[in-house]
Amino acid sequence: MAYKYRFGTKVRDQTWALEKLAAYRAGRGELPICVHCDQPVQIDQAWDVSHITVPRTFGGKSVGCGHRKCNQDDNTSVVIPAFSKAERVRKFNCGITGPGLGKHPMQGGRRSLLSKTFSHGVQPRLSSKQRHELFLQRRAIMPIEDAGEVSP
C-alpha cells in the first residue's frame, strides 16, 4: 500500500515536520511558526510553503510554513513589485522598450509610419479613421459630402 501524505505532497509534509521540529527546539511550542507573522500555524488553518529571505522568483531555496493569507499579502506587497522592477531594469539594460520591441521600429512593421504592400509598394500608414473614410468613398456611389443632401 502506498503512503498517503498528510498535507498532499511530500514537500509539504517535510516542510511541516522540519518547521515543527525547529519550533520545538527553539522552545516556541509544538506547532510550526509562520515566517511572516511569527504566530503558530494550526493544522486546520490554510498554509503555504513560503520562501524565506529570497523569493522563489529570484531563485530562493529556503522554505518554511506560512499562513496562506500572510504569504499572499507578502507576495502582493513585496515580491511582485520587486520582481516587476527587476524586469523593468533588465529590459532597460537590454534595450527592450516595448513588448518584444527594440528602440527602433522595424521598417514596415506595426509601429512604423510606413506600410509595405504587395501591389502598391511602400506607402504612408493610414489611421483606422482614414482607412474607414477611404473605404466609404470607394464604396459609395456619390461622394460622402453629397450623401446628406436630398434632391427634390
Protein backbone atom coordinates (compact mmCIF):
# COMPACT_ATOMS: atom_id res chain seq x y z
CA MET A 1 0.00 0.00 0.00
CA ALA A 2 1.29 3.44 -0.97
CA TYR A 3 2.00 6.10 1.63
CA LYS A 4 -0.67 8.81 1.81
CA TYR A 5 0.77 12.23 2.53
CA ARG A 6 -0.83 14.15 5.37
CA PHE A 7 -0.72 17.53 3.61
CA GLY A 8 -0.99 16.40 0.00
CA THR A 9 2.64 16.28 -1.15
CA LYS A 10 5.99 15.11 0.10
CA VAL A 11 7.41 18.65 0.12
CA ARG A 12 4.54 19.98 2.26
CA ASP A 13 4.88 17.06 4.70
CA GLN A 14 8.64 17.56 5.01
CA THR A 15 8.31 21.32 5.42
CA TRP A 16 5.70 20.89 8.16
CA ALA A 17 7.81 18.32 10.01
CA LEU A 18 11.04 20.37 9.79
CA GLU A 19 9.37 23.61 10.88
CA LYS A 20 7.60 21.82 13.73
CA LEU A 21 10.94 20.40 14.92
CA ALA A 22 12.63 23.81 14.63
CA ALA A 23 9.87 25.46 16.70
CA TYR A 24 10.11 22.74 19.35
CA ARG A 25 13.90 23.09 19.60
CA ALA A 26 13.56 26.87 19.93
CA GLY A 27 11.08 26.42 22.76
CA ARG A 28 8.19 28.02 20.85
CA GLY A 29 5.70 25.15 21.13
CA GLU A 30 4.84 22.08 19.13
CA LEU A 31 3.48 23.82 16.02
CA PRO A 32 5.40 25.45 13.16
CA ILE A 33 5.73 29.23 13.30
CA CYS A 34 4.61 31.42 10.37
CA VAL A 35 7.63 33.08 8.77
CA HIS A 36 5.66 36.28 8.13
CA CYS A 37 3.57 36.99 11.24
CA ASP A 38 5.50 34.94 13.83
CA GLN A 39 2.33 33.16 15.02
CA PRO A 40 1.84 29.36 15.23
CA VAL A 41 0.29 27.64 12.20
CA GLN A 42 -2.55 25.33 13.28
CA ILE A 43 -3.17 22.08 11.45
CA ASP A 44 -6.67 23.13 10.40
CA GLN A 45 -5.55 26.52 9.03
CA ALA A 46 -4.75 27.10 5.36
CA TRP A 47 -0.97 27.35 4.97
CA ASP A 48 1.58 27.52 2.18
CA VAL A 49 5.21 26.61 1.75
CA SER A 50 6.64 30.14 1.71
CA HIS A 51 10.14 31.21 0.79
CA ILE A 52 12.32 32.80 3.44
CA THR A 53 14.61 35.79 2.72
CA VAL A 54 15.00 35.23 -1.06
CA PRO A 55 11.74 34.84 -3.06
CA ARG A 56 11.35 31.96 -5.49
CA THR A 57 11.28 34.36 -8.44
CA PHE A 58 14.88 35.26 -7.63
CA GLY A 59 15.94 31.63 -7.11
CA GLY A 60 15.32 31.28 -3.37
CA LYS A 61 15.60 27.76 -1.99
CA SER A 62 14.99 28.06 1.78
CA VAL A 63 11.34 27.47 2.67
CA GLY A 64 9.13 27.48 5.74
CA CYS A 65 5.47 27.35 6.75
CA GLY A 66 3.34 30.45 6.50
CA HIS A 67 -0.33 31.24 6.74
CA ARG A 68 -1.85 31.45 3.28
CA LYS A 69 -3.17 34.99 3.89
CA CYS A 70 0.21 36.16 5.24
CA ASN A 71 2.02 34.63 2.27
CA GLN A 72 -0.36 36.22 -0.25
CA ASP A 73 -0.04 39.63 1.43
CA ASP A 74 3.76 39.33 1.34
CA ASN A 75 3.69 38.37 -2.33
CA THR A 76 1.46 41.29 -3.34
CA SER A 77 3.25 43.91 -1.26
CA VAL A 78 6.92 42.84 -1.55
CA VAL A 79 7.70 40.11 -4.07
CA ILE A 80 5.65 41.18 -7.10
CA PRO A 81 6.79 44.85 -7.03
CA ALA A 82 10.44 43.78 -6.60
CA PHE A 83 10.19 41.31 -9.47
CA SER A 84 8.46 43.88 -11.69
CA LYS A 85 11.19 46.44 -11.03
CA ALA A 86 13.90 43.86 -11.74
CA GLU A 87 12.20 43.04 -15.04
CA ARG A 88 11.97 46.73 -15.97
CA VAL A 89 15.66 47.22 -15.21
CA ARG A 90 16.58 44.11 -17.21
CA LYS A 91 14.52 45.26 -20.18
CA PHE A 92 16.03 48.75 -19.99
CA ASN A 93 19.55 47.33 -19.97
CA CYS A 94 18.76 45.00 -22.89
CA GLY A 95 17.27 47.89 -24.89
CA ILE A 96 13.76 46.47 -24.92
CA THR A 97 11.27 49.32 -24.56
CA GLY A 98 8.03 47.67 -25.63
CA PRO A 99 6.57 44.19 -25.59
CA GLY A 100 9.26 42.41 -27.58
CA LEU A 101 10.24 45.56 -29.45
CA GLY A 102 13.51 47.47 -29.54
CA LYS A 103 14.26 51.19 -29.70
CA HIS A 104 13.91 51.49 -33.49
CA PRO A 105 10.73 50.15 -35.13
CA MET A 106 11.15 47.61 -37.91
CA GLN A 107 10.69 49.17 -41.34
CA GLY A 108 7.09 48.49 -42.39
CA GLY A 109 6.25 46.93 -39.01
CA ARG A 110 3.21 47.73 -36.89
CA ARG A 111 4.88 50.73 -35.18
CA SER A 112 6.40 52.14 -38.37
CA LEU A 113 4.93 55.16 -40.15
CA LEU A 114 5.30 53.32 -43.46
CA SER A 115 3.31 50.37 -44.72
CA LYS A 116 4.67 47.90 -47.28
CA THR A 117 2.15 46.30 -49.62
CA PHE A 118 2.49 43.69 -52.35
CA SER A 119 0.83 45.66 -55.11
CA HIS A 120 1.41 49.33 -54.25
CA GLY A 121 4.89 49.28 -52.71
CA VAL A 122 5.74 51.49 -49.73
CA GLN A 123 3.04 53.94 -48.61
CA PRO A 124 2.41 56.08 -45.55
CA ARG A 125 0.45 54.15 -42.91
CA LEU A 126 -3.15 55.34 -42.53
CA SER A 127 -5.04 55.57 -39.25
CA SER A 128 -8.17 53.47 -38.81
CA LYS A 129 -10.33 56.59 -39.28
CA GLN A 130 -8.56 57.43 -42.55
CA ARG A 131 -8.92 53.82 -43.78
CA HIS A 132 -12.64 53.83 -42.95
CA GLU A 133 -13.21 57.14 -44.80
CA LEU A 134 -11.33 55.78 -47.82
CA PHE A 135 -13.45 52.61 -47.72
CA LEU A 136 -16.67 54.65 -47.63
CA GLN A 137 -15.51 56.81 -50.54
CA ARG A 138 -14.68 53.76 -52.66
CA ARG A 139 -17.95 52.00 -51.76
CA ALA A 140 -20.32 54.96 -52.15
CA ILE A 141 -21.83 55.82 -55.49
CA MET A 142 -21.70 59.51 -54.70
CA PRO A 143 -19.12 61.31 -52.57
CA ILE A 144 -19.69 61.48 -48.79
CA GLU A 145 -20.25 65.26 -48.76
CA ASP A 146 -23.23 64.95 -51.16
CA ALA A 147 -24.78 61.94 -49.37
CA GLY A 148 -26.58 64.13 -46.81
CA GLU A 149 -28.37 66.26 -49.43
CA VAL A 150 -31.68 65.07 -50.87
CA SER A 151 -32.66 66.27 -54.32
CA PRO A 152 -36.33 67.31 -54.96
